[in-house]
Amino acid sequence: MQYPVLIENGSETTAFGVVFPDLPGCFSAGDTLEAALLAAREAAAAWIDAAVEAGTAIPAPSGPGDVRNLADGKGWTLHLIDLDRPDDGL
């Protein structure tokens, strides 16, 4: 499944910030865009593992259009990350 993420651009002095609008409290960062996306996959996998362990339902991903509205004018860019959900064989 593809989950949308919002990425706040980094600079030479700040990291790229990443949030998952569909996974409450799931966020990450990286010094480069590539590192931020890798860290985001790891953070989401840990979030999903913890949710499964706690018996919490895993939210379905929002559509990119819905999330894009959150990003407009706020300095965030939208990316999609492929994640396996437990019901998909994780």
C-alpha atoms as a PDB file:
ATOM      1  CA  MET A   1       0.000   0.000   0.000  1.00  0.00           C
ATOM      2  CA  GLN A   2       1.157   3.532  -0.658  1.00  0.00           C
ATOM      3  CA  TYR A   3       0.968   5.870   2.312  1.00  0.00           C
ATOM      4  CA  PRO A   4       1.317   9.602   1.787  1.00  0.00           C
ATOM      5  CA  VAL A   5       3.975  11.453   3.737  1.00  0.00           C
ATOM      6  CA  LEU A   6       4.557  15.155   4.080  1.00  0.00           C
ATOM      7  CA  ILE A   7       8.158  16.307   3.975  1.00  0.00           C
ATOM      8  CA  GLU A   8       9.440  19.619   5.239  1.00  0.00           C
ATOM      9  CA  ASN A   9      12.509  20.591   3.238  1.00  0.00           C
ATOM     10  CA  GLY A  10      15.788  20.662   5.087  1.00  0.00           C
ATOM     11  CA  SER A  11      18.816  22.838   4.588  1.00  0.00           C
ATOM     12  CA  GLU A  12      22.512  22.772   5.405  1.00  0.00           C
ATOM     13  CA  THR A  13      21.621  23.313   9.064  1.00  0.00           C
ATOM     14  CA  THR A  14      18.263  21.543   9.464  1.00  0.00           C
ATOM     15  CA  ALA A  15      17.016  18.042   8.716  1.00  0.00           C
ATOM     16  CA  PHE A  16      14.223  17.069   6.346  1.00  0.00           C
ATOM     17  CA  GLY A  17      11.179  16.440   8.543  1.00  0.00           C
ATOM     18  CA  VAL A  18       8.657  13.698   7.687  1.00  0.00           C
ATOM     19  CA  VAL A  19       5.144  13.074   9.024  1.00  0.00           C
ATOM     20  CA  PHE A  20       2.556  10.424   8.185  1.00  0.00           C
ATOM     21  CA  PRO A  21      -0.880  12.080   8.321  1.00  0.00           C
ATOM     22  CA  ASP A  22      -2.570   8.654   8.540  1.00  0.00           C
ATOM     23  CA  LEU A  23      -0.372   7.230  11.327  1.00  0.00           C
ATOM     24  CA  PRO A  24      -0.870   9.424  14.415  1.00  0.00           C
ATOM     25  CA  GLY A  25       2.410  10.262  16.107  1.00  0.00           C
ATOM     26  CA  CYS A  26       4.534   8.696  13.374  1.00  0.00           C
ATOM     27  CA  PHE A  27       7.274  11.053  12.244  1.00  0.00           C
ATOM     28  CA  SER A  28      10.913  10.966  11.245  1.00  0.00           C
ATOM     29  CA  ALA A  29      13.734  13.038   9.792  1.00  0.00           C
ATOM     30  CA  GLY A  30      16.952  12.763   7.821  1.00  0.00           C
ATOM     31  CA  ASP A  31      19.865  14.935   6.748  1.00  0.00           C
ATOM     32  CA  THR A  32      19.024  14.348   3.067  1.00  0.00           C
ATOM     33  CA  LEU A  33      15.753  13.628   1.286  1.00  0.00           C
ATOM     34  CA  GLU A  34      16.884  10.043   0.637  1.00  0.00           C
ATOM     35  CA  ALA A  35      17.812   9.537   4.305  1.00  0.00           C
ATOM     36  CA  ALA A  36      14.505  11.054   5.408  1.00  0.00           C
ATOM     37  CA  LEU A  37      12.515   8.700   3.161  1.00  0.00           C
ATOM     38  CA  LEU A  38      14.473   5.673   4.421  1.00  0.00           C
ATOM     39  CA  ALA A  39      13.969   6.740   8.038  1.00  0.00           C
ATOM     40  CA  ALA A  40      10.267   7.280   7.300  1.00  0.00           C
ATOM     41  CA  ARG A  41       9.879   3.681   6.106  1.00  0.00           C
ATOM     42  CA  GLU A  42      11.592   2.443   9.271  1.00  0.00           C
ATOM     43  CA  ALA A  43       9.445   4.671  11.505  1.00  0.00           C
ATOM     44  CA  ALA A  44       6.236   3.539   9.807  1.00  0.00           C
ATOM     45  CA  ALA A  45       7.215  -0.137  10.095  1.00  0.00           C
ATOM     46  CA  ALA A  46       7.876   0.351  13.825  1.00  0.00           C
ATOM     47  CA  TRP A  47       4.568   2.217  14.209  1.00  0.00           C
ATOM     48  CA  ILE A  48       2.681  -0.598  12.472  1.00  0.00           C
ATOM     49  CA  ASP A  49       4.437  -3.274  14.571  1.00  0.00           C
ATOM     50  CA  ALA A  50       3.521  -1.409  17.772  1.00  0.00           C
ATOM     51  CA  ALA A  51      -0.086  -0.974  16.631  1.00  0.00           C
ATOM     52  CA  VAL A  52      -0.412  -4.683  15.826  1.00  0.00           C
ATOM     53  CA  GLU A  53       1.084  -5.600  19.193  1.00  0.00           C
ATOM     54  CA  ALA A  54      -1.372  -3.263  20.949  1.00  0.00           C
ATOM     55  CA  GLY A  55      -4.329  -4.556  18.933  1.00  0.00           C
ATOM     56  CA  THR A  56      -4.840  -1.156  17.284  1.00  0.00           C
ATOM     57  CA  ALA A  57      -6.324  -1.003  13.802  1.00  0.00           C
ATOM     58  CA  ILE A  58      -3.993   0.158  11.042  1.00  0.00           C
ATOM     59  CA  PRO A  59      -5.600   3.106   9.229  1.00  0.00           C
ATOM     60  CA  ALA A  60      -5.986   2.880   5.475  1.00  0.00           C
ATOM     61  CA  PRO A  61      -3.933   5.426   3.541  1.00  0.00           C
ATOM     62  CA  SER A  62      -5.547   8.698   2.534  1.00  0.00           C
ATOM     63  CA  GLY A  63      -5.660   9.675  -1.080  1.00  0.00           C
ATOM     64  CA  PRO A  64      -2.863  11.968  -2.241  1.00  0.00           C
ATOM     65  CA  GLY A  65      -5.371  14.732  -3.020  1.00  0.00           C
ATOM     66  CA  ASP A  66      -6.646  14.756   0.552  1.00  0.00           C
ATOM     67  CA  VAL A  67      -3.130  15.047   1.969  1.00  0.00           C
ATOM     68  CA  ARG A  68      -2.009  17.591  -0.615  1.00  0.00           C
ATOM     69  CA  ASN A  69      -4.583  19.976   0.859  1.00  0.00           C
ATOM     70  CA  LEU A  70      -2.773  19.745   4.213  1.00  0.00           C
ATOM     71  CA  ALA A  71       0.543  20.670   2.573  1.00  0.00           C
ATOM     72  CA  ASP A  72      -0.561  23.598   0.424  1.00  0.00           C
ATOM     73  CA  GLY A  73       1.193  26.797   1.378  1.00  0.00           C
ATOM     74  CA  LYS A  74       2.909  25.338   4.428  1.00  0.00           C
ATOM     75  CA  GLY A  75       6.307  24.423   2.962  1.00  0.00           C
ATOM     76  CA  TRP A  76       5.623  20.674   2.837  1.00  0.00           C
ATOM     77  CA  THR A  77       5.889  18.416  -0.200  1.00  0.00           C
ATOM     78  CA  LEU A  78       3.923  15.235  -0.733  1.00  0.00           C
ATOM     79  CA  HIS A  79       5.576  11.851  -1.325  1.00  0.00           C
ATOM     80  CA  LEU A  80       4.196   8.313  -1.339  1.00  0.00           C
ATOM     81  CA  ILE A  81       5.874   5.463   0.531  1.00  0.00           C
ATOM     82  CA  ASP A  82       5.203   1.783  -0.141  1.00  0.00           C
ATOM     83  CA  LEU A  83       4.412  -0.092   3.063  1.00  0.00           C
ATOM     84  CA  ASP A  84       3.191  -3.594   3.735  1.00  0.00           C
ATOM     85  CA  ARG A  85       0.222  -3.753   6.079  1.00  0.00           C
ATOM     86  CA  PRO A  86      -0.145  -6.803   8.348  1.00  0.00           C
ATOM     87  CA  ASP A  87      -3.254  -7.919   6.469  1.00  0.00           C
ATOM     88  CA  ASP A  88      -1.111  -7.795   3.298  1.00  0.00           C
ATOM     89  CA  GLY A  89       1.324 -10.364   4.606  1.00  0.00           C
ATOM     90  CA  LEU A  90       3.610  -8.312   6.860  1.00  0.00           C
END
